[in-house]
Amino acid sequence: MSRLLTFAVLAAALVFAGCGDKHEYNLAAETEGEYVDVGNLVYQVQMSRFLNVGDREDVEYLEGLPAGEPPLTADETWFGVWMRVKNYTNETLPTAENFVVVDTQGARFEPVELDNVFAYRPFNLGADQVYPLPDTAASSGPIQGSLILFRLTNDSLQNRPLKLEIEQEGFETAEIDLDL
């Protein structure tokens, strides 16, 4: 009888284990490198850091600023967030269009539009694809992410942790604490 009971318990466990097919959505990451879900896409900050206009590598990241973009004031700094996006589904899905950096005082910073090979651009990501797409400068470079550029105030740097909010219409906002 105990063998039959043991078998029944094991069979029930296997049935219930198969029901664990549901994905737990993660909407908050305490550090870069952790994944967050926005809709059915998974986002990961590969790296974030200040950009130096006097550094040869950083100058290339800053190419393609909009015409008429004023130079930084003494109270501002360029800050780059390199993003990777993965579509684990069998369908083509749009990537997020809205990113905001928020400090602990509630100051919000929108991205500065860039037109270069490293820049993040929203588009429809195919089934099982990763963005940046393979064999592109953004995916092949040392960071392996697409650049989202922010113009931050020096005051905001004192109000840490800074959070990156990822917004997509129709879905909950995800946030990632940025390493500074």
Foldseek 3Di string as FASTA:
>chain_A
DVVVVVVVVVVVVVVVVVVPPDDDAAQEAAEFPDWGDWPQKIKGFLAKDWADCPDPVSVQVQPAFDPPDDDADPFKTKMKTFMKMWHQAQAWAKAFDFKWKAFQVGDIWGFGDGDDQQADDIDTAHHGAMPVGPPTCCCPDPSRGHITMTMDGNVRVVRDQIKMWTDDPPTDIGIYGYDD
